[in-house]
Every structure is written in structure tokens, then in C-alpha cells.
Amino acid sequence: MQISFATAPGHPDRPNEDLVLAGPDTVLVLDGAGLPDGTATGCAHGVPWFVRTLGAELLHRTPDGYWVAGPDPAAARHALTGTAPWTALRGAALLTDGAARPVDDFATTDWPGLLTLLRDTGPQSLIDHTRALERTDPHHTRWPRTKTHDDATAALLRP
């Protein structure tokens, strides 16, 4: 299996809160759901440390928003996971919401289009494309969102 990935912080002055781990036959992508500066979390270390420390956990959605890997073990029961025989796949992509923005938030392409871009030009190119889209709407008027840039991570797996 060939694994390629790229990750970038949402802002150059802030640490990247995403995490990607890869081994010979395993890939894990975590999206550290950061909070605005000054928000009390009870954790002295911050989100990047928390994401790295809880690398065995997954981040996922609840009916009311996102499940966040943390002290509540119920979060693990809501993980979005799956398995398939590798021989049945042409490839696989793991994306954080920051890398999926062209489809999920901006609707400038669909999933087949995003996957074609990822497959043809690689994970860093997808992140660069996402950043270019974000820069066209710095005041969040075309695509309402809480921040101009989000941490973005993309992993591509090929047989």
C-alpha cells in the first residue's frame, strides 16, 4: 500500500491541531476541534497535545454537533469507521473537515471531483486548492464560517 498525506495549520501563527499517523497498513486522521483563544478547557496543555495524546481515539459527530475525543468514553461508540478488503478498493481517502471544505462547505466541486484532484495531484495540492478558495472569501460572506482557514489534513491510500 502506498500512503501519502499532507497537513497544514489553519493559521501560520497557530499550531496544527490535526494529526495524521501512518504505518505499513494503517492510517489514522484526527481533527483537533479547536476553540477560540481564551476559552477555558480544563486542559493546561492545549488541543494539539490533547489530539496527540489521544491518538487512539477518533473525533466524530453527534446528532447535535461533533463528538470530541476526550474523557467521555461514549464518544468511541459513535466513531465513523469501516473496513473493506483492500482488493475491493481502488484507493481510499481520509480527510478532515478543513480538507473537505470544497465539497462540504463551499460546494465548488462534488466528491468525485475532489477525489480526482486528490488522486491526480496529491494531498498537498488539495490543501493548496482549499486555501486558494478560502482566500477568495476572507470576510466569510460567500461561504459563512467561523474562521477563514481551518486546519486541513488529507491522506491518500493506493494499492
N, C-alpha and C. Protein backbone atom coordinates (compact mmCIF):
# COMPACT_ATOMS: atom_id res chain seq x y z
N MET A 1 0.85 -1.17 0.00
CA MET A 1 0.00 0.00 0.00
C MET A 1 0.90 1.24 0.00
N GLN A 2 0.55 2.21 -0.84
CA GLN A 2 1.24 3.49 -0.87
C GLN A 2 0.38 4.50 -0.12
N ILE A 3 0.98 5.20 0.83
CA ILE A 3 0.27 6.20 1.62
C ILE A 3 0.96 7.53 1.45
N SER A 4 0.19 8.54 1.06
CA SER A 4 0.73 9.91 1.01
C SER A 4 -0.22 10.80 1.79
N PHE A 5 0.34 11.80 2.44
CA PHE A 5 -0.51 12.71 3.20
C PHE A 5 0.13 14.07 3.31
N ALA A 6 -0.71 15.05 3.63
CA ALA A 6 -0.26 16.41 3.88
C ALA A 6 -1.17 16.99 4.95
N THR A 7 -0.64 17.92 5.72
CA THR A 7 -1.42 18.58 6.75
C THR A 7 -0.90 20.00 6.90
N ALA A 8 -1.79 20.92 7.20
CA ALA A 8 -1.40 22.33 7.33
C ALA A 8 -2.27 22.99 8.40
N PRO A 9 -1.66 23.88 9.20
CA PRO A 9 -2.46 24.60 10.19
C PRO A 9 -3.39 25.59 9.51
N GLY A 10 -4.46 25.93 10.21
CA GLY A 10 -5.39 26.92 9.68
C GLY A 10 -4.80 28.31 9.62
N HIS A 11 -3.82 28.59 10.47
CA HIS A 11 -3.17 29.90 10.51
C HIS A 11 -1.69 29.67 10.81
N PRO A 12 -0.80 30.37 10.13
CA PRO A 12 0.64 30.12 10.33
C PRO A 12 1.14 30.43 11.74
N ASP A 13 0.41 31.24 12.49
CA ASP A 13 0.85 31.58 13.84
C ASP A 13 0.29 30.66 14.91
N ARG A 14 -0.48 29.64 14.50
CA ARG A 14 -1.08 28.71 15.47
C ARG A 14 -0.61 27.30 15.16
N PRO A 15 -0.50 26.47 16.17
CA PRO A 15 -0.11 25.07 15.90
C PRO A 15 -1.22 24.33 15.18
N ASN A 16 -0.83 23.36 14.40
CA ASN A 16 -1.78 22.50 13.70
C ASN A 16 -2.44 21.59 14.73
N GLU A 17 -3.75 21.58 14.76
CA GLU A 17 -4.50 20.75 15.70
C GLU A 17 -4.90 19.41 15.10
N ASP A 18 -4.60 19.17 13.83
CA ASP A 18 -4.87 17.89 13.19
C ASP A 18 -3.70 16.94 13.45
N LEU A 19 -3.97 15.67 13.26
CA LEU A 19 -2.94 14.65 13.42
C LEU A 19 -3.17 13.58 12.38
N VAL A 20 -2.10 13.15 11.74
CA VAL A 20 -2.17 12.01 10.83
C VAL A 20 -1.07 11.04 11.24
N LEU A 21 -1.44 9.78 11.40
CA LEU A 21 -0.50 8.72 11.74
C LEU A 21 -0.59 7.67 10.66
N ALA A 22 0.54 7.16 10.19
CA ALA A 22 0.53 6.16 9.14
C ALA A 22 1.54 5.07 9.44
N GLY A 23 1.17 3.86 9.14
CA GLY A 23 2.05 2.70 9.25
C GLY A 23 1.94 1.89 7.98
N PRO A 24 2.55 0.72 7.94
CA PRO A 24 2.53 -0.07 6.71
C PRO A 24 1.13 -0.40 6.19
N ASP A 25 0.17 -0.59 7.10
CA ASP A 25 -1.17 -0.94 6.65
C ASP A 25 -2.26 -0.22 7.44
N THR A 26 -1.92 0.93 8.02
CA THR A 26 -2.86 1.67 8.86
C THR A 26 -2.69 3.17 8.65
N VAL A 27 -3.81 3.88 8.61
CA VAL A 27 -3.77 5.34 8.59
C VAL A 27 -4.84 5.84 9.54
N LEU A 28 -4.50 6.83 10.33
CA LEU A 28 -5.43 7.46 11.26
C LEU A 28 -5.34 8.96 11.07
N VAL A 29 -6.49 9.60 10.86
CA VAL A 29 -6.55 11.06 10.75
C VAL A 29 -7.47 11.58 11.84
N LEU A 30 -6.96 12.51 12.64
CA LEU A 30 -7.74 13.13 13.71
C LEU A 30 -7.82 14.63 13.46
N ASP A 31 -8.99 15.19 13.71
CA ASP A 31 -9.22 16.63 13.55
C ASP A 31 -9.39 17.23 14.94
N GLY A 32 -8.39 17.95 15.39
CA GLY A 32 -8.47 18.60 16.71
C GLY A 32 -9.42 19.78 16.63
N ALA A 33 -10.60 19.61 17.17
CA ALA A 33 -11.63 20.66 17.12
C ALA A 33 -11.27 21.77 18.08
N GLY A 34 -10.50 22.72 17.61
CA GLY A 34 -10.02 23.81 18.44
C GLY A 34 -11.11 24.77 18.86
N LEU A 35 -10.79 25.54 19.86
CA LEU A 35 -11.72 26.53 20.41
C LEU A 35 -11.13 27.92 20.25
N PRO A 36 -11.95 28.95 20.29
CA PRO A 36 -11.41 30.31 20.21
C PRO A 36 -10.42 30.58 21.33
N ASP A 37 -9.44 31.44 21.07
CA ASP A 37 -8.46 31.82 22.09
C ASP A 37 -9.16 32.28 23.35
N GLY A 38 -8.62 31.87 24.48
CA GLY A 38 -9.16 32.31 25.76
C GLY A 38 -10.26 31.43 26.31
N THR A 39 -10.71 30.41 25.55
CA THR A 39 -11.76 29.53 26.03
C THR A 39 -11.18 28.57 27.06
N ALA A 40 -11.79 28.49 28.23
CA ALA A 40 -11.33 27.58 29.27
C ALA A 40 -11.72 26.15 28.90
N THR A 41 -10.74 25.25 28.92
CA THR A 41 -10.99 23.85 28.58
C THR A 41 -10.73 22.91 29.74
N GLY A 42 -10.03 23.36 30.75
CA GLY A 42 -9.63 22.49 31.84
C GLY A 42 -8.36 21.71 31.53
N CYS A 43 -7.83 21.84 30.33
CA CYS A 43 -6.60 21.17 29.93
C CYS A 43 -5.49 22.20 29.80
N ALA A 44 -4.46 22.08 30.59
CA ALA A 44 -3.36 23.05 30.56
C ALA A 44 -2.49 22.91 29.32
N HIS A 45 -2.57 21.79 28.62
CA HIS A 45 -1.66 21.53 27.51
C HIS A 45 -2.14 22.03 26.16
N GLY A 46 -3.43 22.19 25.96
CA GLY A 46 -3.95 22.66 24.68
C GLY A 46 -4.37 21.54 23.76
N VAL A 47 -5.07 21.92 22.71
CA VAL A 47 -5.66 20.96 21.78
C VAL A 47 -4.61 20.11 21.05
N PRO A 48 -3.53 20.68 20.51
CA PRO A 48 -2.57 19.82 19.80
C PRO A 48 -2.02 18.68 20.68
N TRP A 49 -1.68 18.99 21.91
CA TRP A 49 -1.20 17.96 22.83
C TRP A 49 -2.28 16.92 23.08
N PHE A 50 -3.50 17.40 23.29
CA PHE A 50 -4.62 16.51 23.57
C PHE A 50 -4.84 15.54 22.40
N VAL A 51 -4.80 16.06 21.18
CA VAL A 51 -5.01 15.22 19.99
C VAL A 51 -3.90 14.17 19.88
N ARG A 52 -2.66 14.60 20.08
CA ARG A 52 -1.55 13.63 20.01
C ARG A 52 -1.66 12.58 21.11
N THR A 53 -2.01 13.02 22.31
CA THR A 53 -2.11 12.10 23.44
C THR A 53 -3.23 11.10 23.25
N LEU A 54 -4.31 11.53 22.66
CA LEU A 54 -5.46 10.65 22.45
C LEU A 54 -5.50 10.11 21.03
N GLY A 55 -4.34 9.89 20.43
CA GLY A 55 -4.26 9.42 19.06
C GLY A 55 -5.00 8.13 18.78
N ALA A 56 -5.26 7.34 19.81
CA ALA A 56 -6.00 6.11 19.61
C ALA A 56 -7.51 6.33 19.56
N GLU A 57 -7.94 7.56 19.86
CA GLU A 57 -9.36 7.90 19.83
C GLU A 57 -9.72 8.50 18.47
N LEU A 58 -10.98 8.64 18.19
CA LEU A 58 -11.44 9.27 16.96
C LEU A 58 -12.33 10.46 17.30
N LEU A 59 -12.36 11.44 16.39
CA LEU A 59 -13.29 12.57 16.50
C LEU A 59 -14.43 12.32 15.55
N HIS A 60 -15.65 12.61 15.98
CA HIS A 60 -16.81 12.33 15.14
C HIS A 60 -18.01 13.16 15.59
N ARG A 61 -19.07 13.11 14.79
CA ARG A 61 -20.26 13.95 15.02
C ARG A 61 -21.25 13.31 15.97
N THR A 62 -21.96 14.17 16.69
CA THR A 62 -23.12 13.76 17.47
C THR A 62 -24.34 14.28 16.73
N PRO A 63 -25.53 13.91 17.14
CA PRO A 63 -26.71 14.50 16.49
C PRO A 63 -26.76 16.02 16.66
N ASP A 64 -26.10 16.54 17.67
CA ASP A 64 -26.12 17.99 17.94
C ASP A 64 -24.81 18.67 17.56
N GLY A 65 -23.92 18.02 16.85
CA GLY A 65 -22.63 18.61 16.50
C GLY A 65 -21.58 17.54 16.45
N TYR A 66 -20.35 17.87 16.84
CA TYR A 66 -19.24 16.93 16.77
C TYR A 66 -19.01 16.24 18.11
N TRP A 67 -18.81 14.93 18.05
CA TRP A 67 -18.25 14.22 19.20
C TRP A 67 -16.78 14.57 19.23
N VAL A 68 -16.25 14.74 20.38
CA VAL A 68 -14.84 15.09 20.51
C VAL A 68 -14.17 14.03 21.37
N ALA A 69 -13.05 13.50 20.88
CA ALA A 69 -12.31 12.54 21.68
C ALA A 69 -11.93 13.21 22.98
N GLY A 70 -12.24 12.58 24.06
CA GLY A 70 -11.96 13.17 25.36
C GLY A 70 -12.26 12.20 26.46
N PRO A 71 -12.58 12.73 27.62
CA PRO A 71 -12.77 11.86 28.77
C PRO A 71 -14.06 11.04 28.73
N ASP A 72 -14.98 11.34 27.83
CA ASP A 72 -16.23 10.59 27.76
C ASP A 72 -16.05 9.39 26.83
N PRO A 73 -15.97 8.17 27.38
CA PRO A 73 -15.75 7.00 26.52
C PRO A 73 -16.90 6.72 25.57
N ALA A 74 -18.07 7.32 25.81
CA ALA A 74 -19.19 7.11 24.89
C ALA A 74 -18.87 7.62 23.50
N ALA A 75 -17.96 8.56 23.38
CA ALA A 75 -17.59 9.10 22.07
C ALA A 75 -17.09 8.00 21.14
N ALA A 76 -16.34 7.04 21.67
CA ALA A 76 -15.78 5.98 20.83
C ALA A 76 -16.87 5.13 20.19
N ARG A 77 -18.02 5.01 20.82
CA ARG A 77 -19.11 4.21 20.25
C ARG A 77 -19.77 4.90 19.06
N HIS A 78 -19.45 6.16 18.84
CA HIS A 78 -20.04 6.92 17.73
C HIS A 78 -19.05 7.15 16.60
N ALA A 79 -17.93 6.45 16.64
CA ALA A 79 -16.89 6.64 15.62
C ALA A 79 -17.41 6.25 14.24
N LEU A 80 -16.98 7.01 13.24
CA LEU A 80 -17.26 6.66 11.85
C LEU A 80 -16.10 5.80 11.38
N THR A 81 -16.31 4.51 11.30
CA THR A 81 -15.25 3.58 10.94
C THR A 81 -15.77 2.64 9.86
N GLY A 82 -14.87 1.92 9.27
CA GLY A 82 -15.27 0.94 8.29
C GLY A 82 -14.09 0.08 7.88
N THR A 83 -14.39 -1.05 7.34
CA THR A 83 -13.36 -1.93 6.82
C THR A 83 -13.84 -2.48 5.49
N ALA A 84 -12.90 -2.80 4.64
CA ALA A 84 -13.19 -3.43 3.35
C ALA A 84 -11.93 -4.17 2.92
N PRO A 85 -12.08 -5.27 2.22
CA PRO A 85 -10.88 -5.93 1.71
C PRO A 85 -10.16 -5.00 0.74
N TRP A 86 -8.87 -4.88 0.91
CA TRP A 86 -8.11 -3.95 0.08
C TRP A 86 -8.27 -4.28 -1.40
N THR A 87 -8.43 -5.55 -1.72
CA THR A 87 -8.58 -5.95 -3.13
C THR A 87 -9.86 -5.42 -3.74
N ALA A 88 -10.83 -5.02 -2.91
CA ALA A 88 -12.10 -4.48 -3.41
C ALA A 88 -12.03 -2.97 -3.64
N LEU A 89 -10.91 -2.34 -3.30
CA LEU A 89 -10.79 -0.88 -3.39
C LEU A 89 -9.78 -0.47 -4.44
N ARG A 90 -10.04 0.68 -5.05
CA ARG A 90 -9.06 1.29 -5.95
C ARG A 90 -8.19 2.27 -5.19
N GLY A 91 -8.63 2.63 -3.99
CA GLY A 91 -7.91 3.57 -3.15
C GLY A 91 -8.83 4.04 -2.05
N ALA A 92 -8.30 4.88 -1.18
CA ALA A 92 -9.10 5.43 -0.10
C ALA A 92 -8.55 6.80 0.26
N ALA A 93 -9.44 7.66 0.75
CA ALA A 93 -9.04 9.00 1.19
C ALA A 93 -9.56 9.23 2.59
N LEU A 94 -8.74 9.83 3.43
CA LEU A 94 -9.15 10.26 4.76
C LEU A 94 -8.93 11.76 4.82
N LEU A 95 -9.99 12.51 5.17
CA LEU A 95 -9.93 13.96 5.14
C LEU A 95 -10.50 14.54 6.43
N THR A 96 -9.91 15.60 6.91
CA THR A 96 -10.55 16.37 7.96
C THR A 96 -11.54 17.32 7.31
N ASP A 97 -12.39 17.93 8.12
CA ASP A 97 -13.38 18.86 7.55
C ASP A 97 -12.70 20.03 6.87
N GLY A 98 -11.51 20.42 7.31
CA GLY A 98 -10.80 21.51 6.66
C GLY A 98 -10.38 21.17 5.24
N ALA A 99 -10.04 19.92 4.98
CA ALA A 99 -9.67 19.49 3.63
C ALA A 99 -10.90 19.20 2.77
N ALA A 100 -12.03 18.93 3.41
CA ALA A 100 -13.27 18.61 2.69
C ALA A 100 -14.09 19.85 2.37
N ARG A 101 -13.62 21.03 2.75
CA ARG A 101 -14.38 22.26 2.53
C ARG A 101 -14.83 22.48 1.08
N PRO A 102 -14.04 22.16 0.05
CA PRO A 102 -14.53 22.40 -1.32
C PRO A 102 -15.85 21.70 -1.61
N VAL A 103 -16.11 20.56 -0.96
CA VAL A 103 -17.38 19.85 -1.15
C VAL A 103 -18.38 20.25 -0.08
N ASP A 104 -18.01 20.07 1.18
CA ASP A 104 -18.96 20.22 2.29
C ASP A 104 -19.39 21.66 2.55
N ASP A 105 -18.47 22.59 2.52
CA ASP A 105 -18.79 23.97 2.89
C ASP A 105 -18.97 24.90 1.69
N PHE A 106 -18.19 24.70 0.65
CA PHE A 106 -18.18 25.65 -0.46
C PHE A 106 -18.95 25.18 -1.68
N ALA A 107 -19.19 23.89 -1.80
CA ALA A 107 -19.92 23.30 -2.93
C ALA A 107 -19.34 23.74 -4.29
N THR A 108 -18.01 23.83 -4.36
CA THR A 108 -17.37 24.18 -5.63
C THR A 108 -17.04 22.95 -6.45
N THR A 109 -17.19 21.79 -5.85
CA THR A 109 -16.99 20.52 -6.54
C THR A 109 -17.83 19.47 -5.81
N ASP A 110 -17.83 18.27 -6.36
CA ASP A 110 -18.51 17.16 -5.69
C ASP A 110 -17.44 16.16 -5.25
N TRP A 111 -17.88 15.07 -4.59
CA TRP A 111 -16.90 14.10 -4.10
C TRP A 111 -16.09 13.48 -5.21
N PRO A 112 -16.68 13.08 -6.34
CA PRO A 112 -15.84 12.54 -7.42
C PRO A 112 -14.79 13.55 -7.90
N GLY A 113 -15.17 14.84 -7.98
CA GLY A 113 -14.22 15.86 -8.41
C GLY A 113 -13.09 16.05 -7.41
N LEU A 114 -13.42 16.08 -6.13
CA LEU A 114 -12.39 16.23 -5.10
C LEU A 114 -11.46 15.03 -5.10
N LEU A 115 -12.02 13.84 -5.23
CA LEU A 115 -11.18 12.64 -5.24
C LEU A 115 -10.29 12.59 -6.47
N THR A 116 -10.79 13.07 -7.61
CA THR A 116 -9.95 13.14 -8.82
C THR A 116 -8.78 14.08 -8.59
N LEU A 117 -9.04 15.26 -8.02
CA LEU A 117 -7.97 16.21 -7.70
C LEU A 117 -6.96 15.58 -6.76
N LEU A 118 -7.44 14.94 -5.72
CA LEU A 118 -6.56 14.30 -4.74
C LEU A 118 -5.73 13.20 -5.40
N ARG A 119 -6.36 12.36 -6.17
CA ARG A 119 -5.66 11.24 -6.82
C ARG A 119 -4.65 11.72 -7.86
N ASP A 120 -5.04 12.76 -8.65
CA ASP A 120 -4.18 13.21 -9.74
C ASP A 120 -3.03 14.11 -9.29
N THR A 121 -3.26 14.90 -8.23
CA THR A 121 -2.24 15.90 -7.87
C THR A 121 -1.72 15.76 -6.44
N GLY A 122 -2.37 14.94 -5.62
CA GLY A 122 -1.85 14.65 -4.29
C GLY A 122 -2.46 15.48 -3.18
N PRO A 123 -2.23 15.05 -1.93
CA PRO A 123 -2.81 15.71 -0.77
C PRO A 123 -2.43 17.19 -0.60
N GLN A 124 -1.17 17.54 -0.85
CA GLN A 124 -0.78 18.94 -0.68
C GLN A 124 -1.49 19.84 -1.67
N SER A 125 -1.68 19.35 -2.88
CA SER A 125 -2.40 20.13 -3.89
C SER A 125 -3.85 20.37 -3.48
N LEU A 126 -4.49 19.38 -2.88
CA LEU A 126 -5.85 19.56 -2.39
C LEU A 126 -5.89 20.64 -1.31
N ILE A 127 -4.95 20.62 -0.39
CA ILE A 127 -4.90 21.65 0.65
C ILE A 127 -4.64 23.02 0.04
N ASP A 128 -3.72 23.09 -0.91
CA ASP A 128 -3.45 24.37 -1.59
C ASP A 128 -4.70 24.89 -2.29
N HIS A 129 -5.44 24.00 -2.93
CA HIS A 129 -6.69 24.38 -3.61
C HIS A 129 -7.70 24.91 -2.60
N THR A 130 -7.81 24.23 -1.47
CA THR A 130 -8.74 24.67 -0.42
C THR A 130 -8.35 26.04 0.09
N ARG A 131 -7.06 26.26 0.33
CA ARG A 131 -6.58 27.57 0.81
C ARG A 131 -6.88 28.66 -0.21
N ALA A 132 -6.71 28.36 -1.48
CA ALA A 132 -7.00 29.36 -2.53
C ALA A 132 -8.48 29.73 -2.50
N LEU A 133 -9.36 28.75 -2.35
CA LEU A 133 -10.79 29.05 -2.25
C LEU A 133 -11.08 29.91 -1.02
N GLU A 134 -10.50 29.54 0.11
CA GLU A 134 -10.73 30.31 1.34
C GLU A 134 -10.31 31.77 1.18
N ARG A 135 -9.18 31.98 0.49
CA ARG A 135 -8.68 33.35 0.32
C ARG A 135 -9.59 34.20 -0.56
N THR A 136 -10.44 33.57 -1.40
CA THR A 136 -11.36 34.35 -2.23
C THR A 136 -12.53 34.90 -1.43
N ASP A 137 -12.68 34.46 -0.18
CA ASP A 137 -13.80 34.90 0.66
C ASP A 137 -13.29 35.20 2.09
N PRO A 138 -12.40 36.19 2.22
CA PRO A 138 -11.78 36.45 3.53
C PRO A 138 -12.75 36.97 4.59
N HIS A 139 -13.89 37.51 4.17
CA HIS A 139 -14.86 38.07 5.13
C HIS A 139 -16.04 37.12 5.38
N HIS A 140 -15.95 35.91 4.83
CA HIS A 140 -16.92 34.84 5.09
C HIS A 140 -18.33 35.19 4.61
N THR A 141 -18.43 35.96 3.55
CA THR A 141 -19.75 36.35 3.05
C THR A 141 -20.30 35.34 2.04
N ARG A 142 -19.46 34.86 1.15
CA ARG A 142 -19.91 33.87 0.17
C ARG A 142 -20.17 32.52 0.85
N TRP A 143 -19.26 32.14 1.75
CA TRP A 143 -19.37 30.89 2.49
C TRP A 143 -19.27 31.20 3.97
N PRO A 144 -20.40 31.42 4.63
CA PRO A 144 -20.37 31.73 6.07
C PRO A 144 -19.67 30.63 6.86
N ARG A 145 -18.75 31.05 7.72
CA ARG A 145 -18.00 30.11 8.55
C ARG A 145 -17.37 30.89 9.70
N THR A 146 -16.92 30.21 10.71
CA THR A 146 -16.40 30.89 11.90
C THR A 146 -14.96 31.34 11.75
N LYS A 147 -14.23 30.75 10.82
CA LYS A 147 -12.83 31.15 10.62
C LYS A 147 -12.48 31.03 9.15
N THR A 148 -11.57 31.90 8.70
CA THR A 148 -11.19 31.90 7.30
C THR A 148 -10.57 30.58 6.89
N HIS A 149 -9.62 30.10 7.68
CA HIS A 149 -8.92 28.85 7.38
C HIS A 149 -9.11 27.89 8.55
N ASP A 150 -9.26 26.63 8.22
CA ASP A 150 -9.30 25.57 9.22
C ASP A 150 -8.08 24.68 8.99
N ASP A 151 -7.59 24.04 10.05
CA ASP A 151 -6.55 23.04 9.83
C ASP A 151 -7.07 22.06 8.78
N ALA A 152 -6.20 21.64 7.90
CA ALA A 152 -6.61 20.74 6.82
C ALA A 152 -5.62 19.59 6.71
N THR A 153 -6.15 18.38 6.69
CA THR A 153 -5.34 17.17 6.56
C THR A 153 -5.98 16.23 5.56
N ALA A 154 -5.17 15.69 4.66
CA ALA A 154 -5.67 14.74 3.67
C ALA A 154 -4.67 13.60 3.57
N ALA A 155 -5.18 12.39 3.57
CA ALA A 155 -4.35 11.19 3.36
C ALA A 155 -4.94 10.42 2.19
N LEU A 156 -4.08 9.92 1.33
CA LEU A 156 -4.47 9.15 0.16
C LEU A 156 -3.79 7.80 0.23
N LEU A 157 -4.57 6.75 0.10
CA LEU A 157 -4.06 5.38 0.11
C LEU A 157 -4.29 4.77 -1.26
N ARG A 158 -3.26 4.10 -1.77
CA ARG A 158 -3.35 3.43 -3.07
C ARG A 158 -2.81 2.01 -2.92
N PRO A 159 -3.35 1.09 -3.71
CA PRO A 159 -2.83 -0.29 -3.63
C PRO A 159 -1.38 -0.36 -4.10
